[in-house]
């Protein structure tokens, strides 16, 4: 995280309990970005591919990437919720 963002979070009351939570959130967003890039590439392979077998493989890879992206986005939402003041800990 950039130092200014940490200061703003402290002012807004959304500062994580520890720096480890902030690092975990940054890591999740990096994973999300990589998955979105992978998803885009599989979609392009399907759209512009000339080999039917490669297009079929790309479709299967897209299905897997969408599942992975859903999992990561769910984890991001949970992590962001935990950062809010008064968030319940189950």
PDB file of N, CA and C in Angstrom:
ATOM      1  N   UNK A   1       0.823  -1.182   0.000  1.00  0.00           N
ATOM      2  CA  UNK A   1       0.000   0.000   0.000  1.00  0.00           C
ATOM      3  C   UNK A   1       0.865   1.242   0.000  1.00  0.00           C
ATOM      4  N   UNK A   2       0.368   2.272  -0.598  1.00  0.00           N
ATOM      5  CA  UNK A   2       1.060   3.544  -0.621  1.00  0.00           C
ATOM      6  C   UNK A   2       0.828   4.231   0.714  1.00  0.00           C
ATOM      7  N   UNK A   3       1.835   4.923   1.216  1.00  0.00           N
ATOM      8  CA  UNK A   3       1.749   5.555   2.519  1.00  0.00           C
ATOM      9  C   UNK A   3       0.555   6.477   2.682  1.00  0.00           C
ATOM     10  N   UNK A   4       0.219   7.256   1.654  1.00  0.00           N
ATOM     11  CA  UNK A   4      -0.920   8.156   1.736  1.00  0.00           C
ATOM     12  C   UNK A   4      -2.225   7.414   1.926  1.00  0.00           C
ATOM     13  N   UNK A   5      -2.368   6.266   1.286  1.00  0.00           N
ATOM     14  CA  UNK A   5      -3.587   5.482   1.442  1.00  0.00           C
ATOM     15  C   UNK A   5      -3.741   4.981   2.868  1.00  0.00           C
ATOM     16  N   UNK A   6      -2.645   4.581   3.480  1.00  0.00           N
ATOM     17  CA  UNK A   6      -2.695   4.099   4.855  1.00  0.00           C
ATOM     18  C   UNK A   6      -3.138   5.224   5.773  1.00  0.00           C
ATOM     19  N   UNK A   7      -2.609   6.426   5.557  1.00  0.00           N
ATOM     20  CA  UNK A   7      -2.998   7.566   6.386  1.00  0.00           C
ATOM     21  C   UNK A   7      -4.482   7.868   6.216  1.00  0.00           C
ATOM     22  N   UNK A   8      -4.984   7.845   4.986  1.00  0.00           N
ATOM     23  CA  UNK A   8      -6.400   8.094   4.740  1.00  0.00           C
ATOM     24  C   UNK A   8      -7.265   7.035   5.402  1.00  0.00           C
ATOM     25  N   UNK A   9      -6.824   5.780   5.359  1.00  0.00           N
ATOM     26  CA  UNK A   9      -7.593   4.710   5.988  1.00  0.00           C
ATOM     27  C   UNK A   9      -7.647   4.904   7.497  1.00  0.00           C
ATOM     28  N   UNK A  10      -6.550   5.368   8.084  1.00  0.00           N
ATOM     29  CA  UNK A  10      -6.540   5.601   9.528  1.00  0.00           C
ATOM     30  C   UNK A  10      -7.520   6.712   9.887  1.00  0.00           C
ATOM     31  N   UNK A  11      -7.579   7.744   9.070  1.00  0.00           N
ATOM     32  CA  UNK A  11      -8.493   8.858   9.319  1.00  0.00           C
ATOM     33  C   UNK A  11      -9.941   8.406   9.166  1.00  0.00           C
ATOM     34  N   UNK A  12     -10.216   7.605   8.139  1.00  0.00           N
ATOM     35  CA  UNK A  12     -11.576   7.158   7.865  1.00  0.00           C
ATOM     36  C   UNK A  12     -12.027   6.025   8.774  1.00  0.00           C
ATOM     37  N   UNK A  13     -11.130   5.468   9.554  1.00  0.00           N
ATOM     38  CA  UNK A  13     -11.501   4.386  10.446  1.00  0.00           C
ATOM     39  C   UNK A  13     -11.592   3.038   9.768  1.00  0.00           C
ATOM     40  N   UNK A  14     -10.989   2.900   8.589  1.00  0.00           N
ATOM     41  CA  UNK A  14     -11.037   1.626   7.881  1.00  0.00           C
ATOM     42  C   UNK A  14      -9.700   0.919   7.910  1.00  0.00           C
ATOM     43  N   UNK A  15      -8.840   1.342   8.788  1.00  0.00           N
ATOM     44  CA  UNK A  15      -7.511   0.740   8.893  1.00  0.00           C
ATOM     45  C   UNK A  15      -7.643  -0.704   9.355  1.00  0.00           C
ATOM     46  N   UNK A  16      -6.951  -1.636   8.702  1.00  0.00           N
ATOM     47  CA  UNK A  16      -7.035  -3.027   9.124  1.00  0.00           C
ATOM     48  C   UNK A  16      -6.439  -3.216  10.515  1.00  0.00           C
ATOM     49  N   UNK A  17      -6.799  -4.337  11.131  1.00  0.00           N
ATOM     50  CA  UNK A  17      -6.307  -4.626  12.474  1.00  0.00           C
ATOM     51  C   UNK A  17      -4.787  -4.699  12.490  1.00  0.00           C
ATOM     52  N   UNK A  18      -4.209  -5.198  11.422  1.00  0.00           N
ATOM     53  CA  UNK A  18      -2.751  -5.238  11.327  1.00  0.00           C
ATOM     54  C   UNK A  18      -2.335  -5.091   9.867  1.00  0.00           C
ATOM     55  N   UNK A  19      -1.061  -4.859   9.678  1.00  0.00           N
ATOM     56  CA  UNK A  19      -0.550  -4.666   8.319  1.00  0.00           C
ATOM     57  C   UNK A  19      -0.663  -5.946   7.505  1.00  0.00           C
ATOM     58  N   UNK A  20      -0.699  -7.096   8.160  1.00  0.00           N
ATOM     59  CA  UNK A  20      -0.840  -8.365   7.458  1.00  0.00           C
ATOM     60  C   UNK A  20      -2.141  -8.449   6.685  1.00  0.00           C
ATOM     61  N   UNK A  21      -3.216  -7.891   7.255  1.00  0.00           N
ATOM     62  CA  UNK A  21      -4.498  -7.877   6.550  1.00  0.00           C
ATOM     63  C   UNK A  21      -4.414  -7.004   5.306  1.00  0.00           C
ATOM     64  N   UNK A  22      -3.739  -5.874   5.400  1.00  0.00           N
ATOM     65  CA  UNK A  22      -3.588  -4.990   4.244  1.00  0.00           C
ATOM     66  C   UNK A  22      -2.771  -5.679   3.161  1.00  0.00           C
ATOM     67  N   UNK A  23      -1.705  -6.358   3.562  1.00  0.00           N
ATOM     68  CA  UNK A  23      -0.886  -7.085   2.590  1.00  0.00           C
ATOM     69  C   UNK A  23      -1.686  -8.196   1.926  1.00  0.00           C
ATOM     70  N   UNK A  24      -2.515  -8.883   2.697  1.00  0.00           N
ATOM     71  CA  UNK A  24      -3.336  -9.960   2.142  1.00  0.00           C
ATOM     72  C   UNK A  24      -4.317  -9.402   1.119  1.00  0.00           C
ATOM     73  N   UNK A  25      -4.880  -8.233   1.400  1.00  0.00           N
ATOM     74  CA  UNK A  25      -5.821  -7.624   0.466  1.00  0.00           C
ATOM     75  C   UNK A  25      -5.116  -7.208  -0.821  1.00  0.00           C
ATOM     76  N   UNK A  26      -3.928  -6.664  -0.699  1.00  0.00           N
ATOM     77  CA  UNK A  26      -3.145  -6.291  -1.883  1.00  0.00           C
ATOM     78  C   UNK A  26      -2.840  -7.538  -2.711  1.00  0.00           C
ATOM     79  N   UNK A  27      -2.484  -8.628  -2.037  1.00  0.00           N
ATOM     80  CA  UNK A  27      -2.204  -9.883  -2.741  1.00  0.00           C
ATOM     81  C   UNK A  27      -3.443 -10.408  -3.455  1.00  0.00           C
ATOM     82  N   UNK A  28      -4.604 -10.297  -2.816  1.00  0.00           N
ATOM     83  CA  UNK A  28      -5.844 -10.742  -3.455  1.00  0.00           C
ATOM     84  C   UNK A  28      -6.146  -9.918  -4.702  1.00  0.00           C
ATOM     85  N   UNK A  29      -5.919  -8.613  -4.626  1.00  0.00           N
ATOM     86  CA  UNK A  29      -6.163  -7.769  -5.801  1.00  0.00           C
ATOM     87  C   UNK A  29      -5.169  -8.088  -6.920  1.00  0.00           C
ATOM     88  N   UNK A  30      -3.946  -8.428  -6.574  1.00  0.00           N
ATOM     89  CA  UNK A  30      -2.971  -8.832  -7.593  1.00  0.00           C
ATOM     90  C   UNK A  30      -3.413 -10.136  -8.249  1.00  0.00           C
ATOM     91  N   UNK A  31      -3.924 -11.060  -7.445  1.00  0.00           N
ATOM     92  CA  UNK A  31      -4.424 -12.324  -7.993  1.00  0.00           C
ATOM     93  C   UNK A  31      -5.631 -12.078  -8.897  1.00  0.00           C
ATOM     94  N   UNK A  32      -6.511 -11.151  -8.480  1.00  0.00           N
ATOM     95  CA  UNK A  32      -7.675 -10.802  -9.300  1.00  0.00           C
ATOM     96  C   UNK A  32      -7.242 -10.248 -10.648  1.00  0.00           C
ATOM     97  N   UNK A  33      -6.261  -9.368 -10.621  1.00  0.00           N
ATOM     98  CA  UNK A  33      -5.776  -8.764 -11.862  1.00  0.00           C
ATOM     99  C   UNK A  33      -5.204  -9.824 -12.798  1.00  0.00           C
ATOM    100  N   UNK A  34      -4.438 -10.755 -12.262  1.00  0.00           N
ATOM    101  CA  UNK A  34      -3.864 -11.828 -13.083  1.00  0.00           C
ATOM    102  C   UNK A  34      -4.963 -12.711 -13.666  1.00  0.00           C
ATOM    103  N   UNK A  35      -5.986 -13.000 -12.876  1.00  0.00           N
ATOM    104  CA  UNK A  35      -7.097 -13.822 -13.371  1.00  0.00           C
ATOM    105  C   UNK A  35      -7.882 -13.095 -14.459  1.00  0.00           C
ATOM    106  N   UNK A  36      -8.093 -11.797 -14.280  1.00  0.00           N
ATOM    107  CA  UNK A  36      -8.801 -11.030 -15.306  1.00  0.00           C
ATOM    108  C   UNK A  36      -8.013 -11.011 -16.612  1.00  0.00           C
ATOM    109  N   UNK A  37      -6.694 -10.908 -16.514  1.00  0.00           N
ATOM    110  CA  UNK A  37      -5.848 -10.935 -17.702  1.00  0.00           C
ATOM    111  C   UNK A  37      -5.941 -12.306 -18.380  1.00  0.00           C
ATOM    112  N   UNK A  38      -5.872 -13.369 -17.572  1.00  0.00           N
ATOM    113  CA  UNK A  38      -5.981 -14.728 -18.111  1.00  0.00           C
ATOM    114  C   UNK A  38      -7.336 -14.932 -18.783  1.00  0.00           C
ATOM    115  N   UNK A  39      -8.389 -14.427 -18.170  1.00  0.00           N
ATOM    116  CA  UNK A  39      -9.730 -14.543 -18.726  1.00  0.00           C
ATOM    117  C   UNK A  39      -9.831 -13.821 -20.064  1.00  0.00           C
ATOM    118  N   UNK A  40      -9.267 -12.637 -20.146  1.00  0.00           N
ATOM    119  CA  UNK A  40      -9.280 -11.879 -21.395  1.00  0.00           C
ATOM    120  C   UNK A  40      -8.555 -12.637 -22.505  1.00  0.00           C
ATOM    121  N   UNK A  41      -7.415 -13.220 -22.181  1.00  0.00           N
ATOM    122  CA  UNK A  41      -6.662 -13.972 -23.191  1.00  0.00           C
ATOM    123  C   UNK A  41      -7.433 -15.196 -23.676  1.00  0.00           C
ATOM    124  N   UNK A  42      -8.117 -15.886 -22.778  1.00  0.00           N
ATOM    125  CA  UNK A  42      -8.900 -17.050 -23.218  1.00  0.00           C
ATOM    126  C   UNK A  42     -10.058 -16.615 -24.105  1.00  0.00           C
ATOM    127  N   UNK A  43     -10.669 -15.489 -23.796  1.00  0.00           N
ATOM    128  CA  UNK A  43     -11.760 -14.984 -24.627  1.00  0.00           C
ATOM    129  C   UNK A  43     -11.255 -14.582 -26.011  1.00  0.00           C
ATOM    130  N   UNK A  44     -10.073 -13.993 -26.074  1.00  0.00           N
ATOM    131  CA  UNK A  44      -9.500 -13.627 -27.368  1.00  0.00           C
ATOM    132  C   UNK A  44      -9.143 -14.868 -28.179  1.00  0.00           C
ATOM    133  N   UNK A  45      -8.626 -15.899 -27.517  1.00  0.00           N
ATOM    134  CA  UNK A  45      -8.316 -17.146 -28.227  1.00  0.00           C
ATOM    135  C   UNK A  45      -9.580 -17.767 -28.802  1.00  0.00           C
ATOM    136  N   UNK A  46     -10.691 -17.670 -28.079  1.00  0.00           N
ATOM    137  CA  UNK A  46     -11.950 -18.202 -28.596  1.00  0.00           C
ATOM    138  C   UNK A  46     -12.442 -17.386 -29.788  1.00  0.00           C
ATOM    139  N   UNK A  47     -12.310 -16.100 -29.685  1.00  0.00           N
ATOM    140  CA  UNK A  47     -12.841 -15.223 -30.734  1.00  0.00           C
ATOM    141  C   UNK A  47     -12.006 -15.265 -32.009  1.00  0.00           C
ATOM    142  N   UNK A  48     -10.690 -15.293 -31.868  1.00  0.00           N
ATOM    143  CA  UNK A  48      -9.826 -15.173 -33.033  1.00  0.00           C
ATOM    144  C   UNK A  48      -9.101 -16.461 -33.393  1.00  0.00           C
ATOM    145  N   UNK A  49      -9.321 -17.526 -32.632  1.00  0.00           N
ATOM    146  CA  UNK A  49      -8.636 -18.784 -32.906  1.00  0.00           C
ATOM    147  C   UNK A  49      -9.090 -19.407 -34.217  1.00  0.00           C
ATOM    148  N   UNK A  50      -8.154 -20.072 -34.886  1.00  0.00           N
ATOM    149  CA  UNK A  50      -8.482 -20.741 -36.151  1.00  0.00           C
ATOM    150  C   UNK A  50      -8.525 -22.254 -35.989  1.00  0.00           C
ATOM    151  N   UNK A  51      -7.937 -22.765 -34.919  1.00  0.00           N
ATOM    152  CA  UNK A  51      -7.922 -24.201 -34.665  1.00  0.00           C
ATOM    153  C   UNK A  51      -9.074 -24.541 -33.717  1.00  0.00           C
ATOM    154  N   UNK A  52      -9.957 -25.433 -34.147  1.00  0.00           N
ATOM    155  CA  UNK A  52     -11.138 -25.775 -33.351  1.00  0.00           C
ATOM    156  C   UNK A  52     -10.753 -26.368 -31.995  1.00  0.00           C
ATOM    157  N   UNK A  53      -9.699 -27.160 -31.960  1.00  0.00           N
ATOM    158  CA  UNK A  53      -9.269 -27.768 -30.695  1.00  0.00           C
ATOM    159  C   UNK A  53      -8.771 -26.695 -29.721  1.00  0.00           C
ATOM    160  N   UNK A  54      -8.036 -25.711 -30.234  1.00  0.00           N
ATOM    161  CA  UNK A  54      -7.541 -24.636 -29.373  1.00  0.00           C
ATOM    162  C   UNK A  54      -8.699 -23.781 -28.857  1.00  0.00           C
ATOM    163  N   UNK A  55      -9.693 -23.544 -29.703  1.00  0.00           N
ATOM    164  CA  UNK A  55     -10.865 -22.766 -29.289  1.00  0.00           C
ATOM    165  C   UNK A  55     -11.614 -23.511 -28.184  1.00  0.00           C
ATOM    166  N   UNK A  56     -11.730 -24.827 -28.321  1.00  0.00           N
ATOM    167  CA  UNK A  56     -12.404 -25.629 -27.296  1.00  0.00           C
ATOM    168  C   UNK A  56     -11.614 -25.611 -25.986  1.00  0.00           C
ATOM    169  N   UNK A  57     -10.285 -25.704 -26.071  1.00  0.00           N
ATOM    170  CA  UNK A  57      -9.444 -25.626 -24.865  1.00  0.00           C
ATOM    171  C   UNK A  57      -9.597 -24.259 -24.196  1.00  0.00           C
ATOM    172  N   UNK A  58      -9.646 -23.219 -25.015  1.00  0.00           N
ATOM    173  CA  UNK A  58      -9.804 -21.867 -24.475  1.00  0.00           C
ATOM    174  C   UNK A  58     -11.149 -21.723 -23.763  1.00  0.00           C
ATOM    175  N   UNK A  59     -12.188 -22.345 -24.295  1.00  0.00           N
ATOM    176  CA  UNK A  59     -13.503 -22.286 -23.647  1.00  0.00           C
ATOM    177  C   UNK A  59     -13.460 -22.965 -22.283  1.00  0.00           C
ATOM    178  N   UNK A  60     -12.782 -24.105 -22.195  1.00  0.00           N
ATOM    179  CA  UNK A  60     -12.648 -24.802 -20.912  1.00  0.00           C
ATOM    180  C   UNK A  60     -11.803 -23.976 -19.939  1.00  0.00           C
ATOM    181  N   UNK A  61     -10.721 -23.377 -20.435  1.00  0.00           N
ATOM    182  CA  UNK A  61      -9.886 -22.531 -19.586  1.00  0.00           C
ATOM    183  C   UNK A  61     -10.666 -21.314 -19.096  1.00  0.00           C
ATOM    184  N   UNK A  62     -11.551 -20.786 -19.944  1.00  0.00           N
ATOM    185  CA  UNK A  62     -12.383 -19.654 -19.541  1.00  0.00           C
ATOM    186  C   UNK A  62     -13.313 -20.066 -18.398  1.00  0.00           C
ATOM    187  N   UNK A  63     -13.900 -21.248 -18.505  1.00  0.00           N
ATOM    188  CA  UNK A  63     -14.797 -21.738 -17.463  1.00  0.00           C
ATOM    189  C   UNK A  63     -14.055 -21.838 -16.123  1.00  0.00           C
ATOM    190  N   UNK A  64     -12.852 -22.384 -16.155  1.00  0.00           N
ATOM    191  CA  UNK A  64     -12.044 -22.523 -14.939  1.00  0.00           C
ATOM    192  C   UNK A  64     -11.651 -21.143 -14.398  1.00  0.00           C
ATOM    193  N   UNK A  65     -11.249 -20.238 -15.292  1.00  0.00           N
ATOM    194  CA  UNK A  65     -10.834 -18.894 -14.874  1.00  0.00           C
ATOM    195  C   UNK A  65     -11.996 -18.133 -14.236  1.00  0.00           C
ATOM    196  N   UNK A  66     -13.204 -18.303 -14.773  1.00  0.00           N
ATOM    197  CA  UNK A  66     -14.368 -17.637 -14.188  1.00  0.00           C
ATOM    198  C   UNK A  66     -14.638 -18.149 -12.771  1.00  0.00           C
ATOM    199  N   UNK A  67     -14.494 -19.441 -12.574  1.00  0.00           N
ATOM    200  CA  UNK A  67     -14.662 -19.997 -11.229  1.00  0.00           C
ATOM    201  C   UNK A  67     -13.620 -19.467 -10.265  1.00  0.00           C
ATOM    202  N   UNK A  68     -12.370 -19.405 -10.731  1.00  0.00           N
ATOM    203  CA  UNK A  68     -11.291 -18.878  -9.892  1.00  0.00           C
ATOM    204  C   UNK A  68     -11.516 -17.403  -9.569  1.00  0.00           C
ATOM    205  N   UNK A  69     -11.965 -16.637 -10.571  1.00  0.00           N
ATOM    206  CA  UNK A  69     -12.218 -15.212 -10.360  1.00  0.00           C
ATOM    207  C   UNK A  69     -13.351 -15.010  -9.357  1.00  0.00           C
ATOM    208  N   UNK A  70     -14.388 -15.814  -9.454  1.00  0.00           N
ATOM    209  CA  UNK A  70     -15.495 -15.724  -8.503  1.00  0.00           C
ATOM    210  C   UNK A  70     -15.003 -15.983  -7.081  1.00  0.00           C
ATOM    211  N   UNK A  71     -14.155 -16.981  -6.914  1.00  0.00           N
ATOM    212  CA  UNK A  71     -13.605 -17.317  -5.600  1.00  0.00           C
ATOM    213  C   UNK A  71     -12.789 -16.147  -5.040  1.00  0.00           C
ATOM    214  N   UNK A  72     -11.937 -15.558  -5.878  1.00  0.00           N
ATOM    215  CA  UNK A  72     -11.084 -14.454  -5.416  1.00  0.00           C
ATOM    216  C   UNK A  72     -11.922 -13.215  -5.098  1.00  0.00           C
ATOM    217  N   UNK A  73     -12.917 -12.912  -5.926  1.00  0.00           N
ATOM    218  CA  UNK A  73     -13.762 -11.747  -5.653  1.00  0.00           C
ATOM    219  C   UNK A  73     -14.538 -11.920  -4.352  1.00  0.00           C
ATOM    220  N   UNK A  74     -14.962 -13.137  -4.063  1.00  0.00           N
ATOM    221  CA  UNK A  74     -15.646 -13.402  -2.796  1.00  0.00           C
ATOM    222  C   UNK A  74     -14.701 -13.160  -1.624  1.00  0.00           C
ATOM    223  N   UNK A  75     -13.469 -13.601  -1.751  1.00  0.00           N
ATOM    224  CA  UNK A  75     -12.478 -13.385  -0.689  1.00  0.00           C
ATOM    225  C   UNK A  75     -12.169 -11.895  -0.519  1.00  0.00           C
ATOM    226  N   UNK A  76     -12.130 -11.149  -1.632  1.00  0.00           N
ATOM    227  CA  UNK A  76     -11.886  -9.701  -1.555  1.00  0.00           C
ATOM    228  C   UNK A  76     -13.037  -9.019  -0.822  1.00  0.00           C
ATOM    229  N   UNK A  77     -14.276  -9.378  -1.183  1.00  0.00           N
ATOM    230  CA  UNK A  77     -15.427  -8.772  -0.501  1.00  0.00           C
ATOM    231  C   UNK A  77     -15.382  -9.056   0.998  1.00  0.00           C
ATOM    232  N   UNK A  78     -15.039 -10.280   1.362  1.00  0.00           N
ATOM    233  CA  UNK A  78     -14.958 -10.633   2.787  1.00  0.00           C
ATOM    234  C   UNK A  78     -13.860  -9.836   3.482  1.00  0.00           C
ATOM    235  N   UNK A  79     -12.712  -9.705   2.841  1.00  0.00           N
ATOM    236  CA  UNK A  79     -11.599  -8.961   3.437  1.00  0.00           C
ATOM    237  C   UNK A  79     -11.951  -7.483   3.580  1.00  0.00           C
ATOM    238  N   UNK A  80     -12.628  -6.928   2.576  1.00  0.00           N
ATOM    239  CA  UNK A  80     -13.010  -5.519   2.660  1.00  0.00           C
ATOM    240  C   UNK A  80     -14.063  -5.303   3.742  1.00  0.00           C
ATOM    241  N   UNK A  81     -14.967  -6.259   3.903  1.00  0.00           N
ATOM    242  CA  UNK A  81     -15.962  -6.136   4.972  1.00  0.00           C
ATOM    243  C   UNK A  81     -15.279  -6.131   6.338  1.00  0.00           C
ATOM    244  N   UNK A  82     -14.318  -7.025   6.532  1.00  0.00           N
ATOM    245  CA  UNK A  82     -13.626  -7.118   7.822  1.00  0.00           C
ATOM    246  C   UNK A  82     -12.876  -5.834   8.159  1.00  0.00           C
ATOM    247  N   UNK A  83     -12.532  -5.042   7.159  1.00  0.00           N
ATOM    248  CA  UNK A  83     -11.784  -3.800   7.390  1.00  0.00           C
ATOM    249  C   UNK A  83     -12.676  -2.679   7.896  1.00  0.00           C
ATOM    250  N   UNK A  84     -13.984  -2.814   7.776  1.00  0.00           N
ATOM    251  CA  UNK A  84     -14.887  -1.743   8.173  1.00  0.00           C
ATOM    252  C   UNK A  84     -15.044  -1.706   9.689  1.00  0.00           C
ATOM    253  N   UNK A  85     -15.222  -0.508  10.228  1.00  0.00           N
ATOM    254  CA  UNK A  85     -15.393  -0.389  11.679  1.00  0.00           C
ATOM    255  C   UNK A  85     -16.651  -1.135  12.128  1.00  0.00           C
ATOM    256  N   UNK A  86     -16.535  -1.843  13.216  1.00  0.00           N
ATOM    257  CA  UNK A  86     -17.686  -2.553  13.769  1.00  0.00           C
ATOM    258  C   UNK A  86     -18.052  -3.818  13.023  1.00  0.00           C
ATOM    259  N   UNK A  87     -17.195  -4.263  12.124  1.00  0.00           N
ATOM    260  CA  UNK A  87     -17.493  -5.478  11.359  1.00  0.00           C
ATOM    261  C   UNK A  87     -17.510  -6.672  12.300  1.00  0.00           C
ATOM    262  N   UNK A  88     -18.487  -7.539  12.090  1.00  0.00           N
ATOM    263  CA  UNK A  88     -18.593  -8.738  12.925  1.00  0.00           C
ATOM    264  C   UNK A  88     -17.536  -9.748  12.519  1.00  0.00           C
ATOM    265  N   UNK A  89     -17.030 -10.434  13.497  1.00  0.00           N
ATOM    266  CA  UNK A  89     -16.069 -11.523  13.263  1.00  0.00           C
ATOM    267  C   UNK A  89     -16.780 -12.818  13.612  1.00  0.00           C
ATOM    268  N   UNK A  90     -16.991 -13.666  12.645  1.00  0.00           N
ATOM    269  CA  UNK A  90     -17.712 -14.912  12.904  1.00  0.00           C
ATOM    270  C   UNK A  90     -16.814 -15.936  13.475  1.00  0.00           C
TER     271      UNK A  90
END
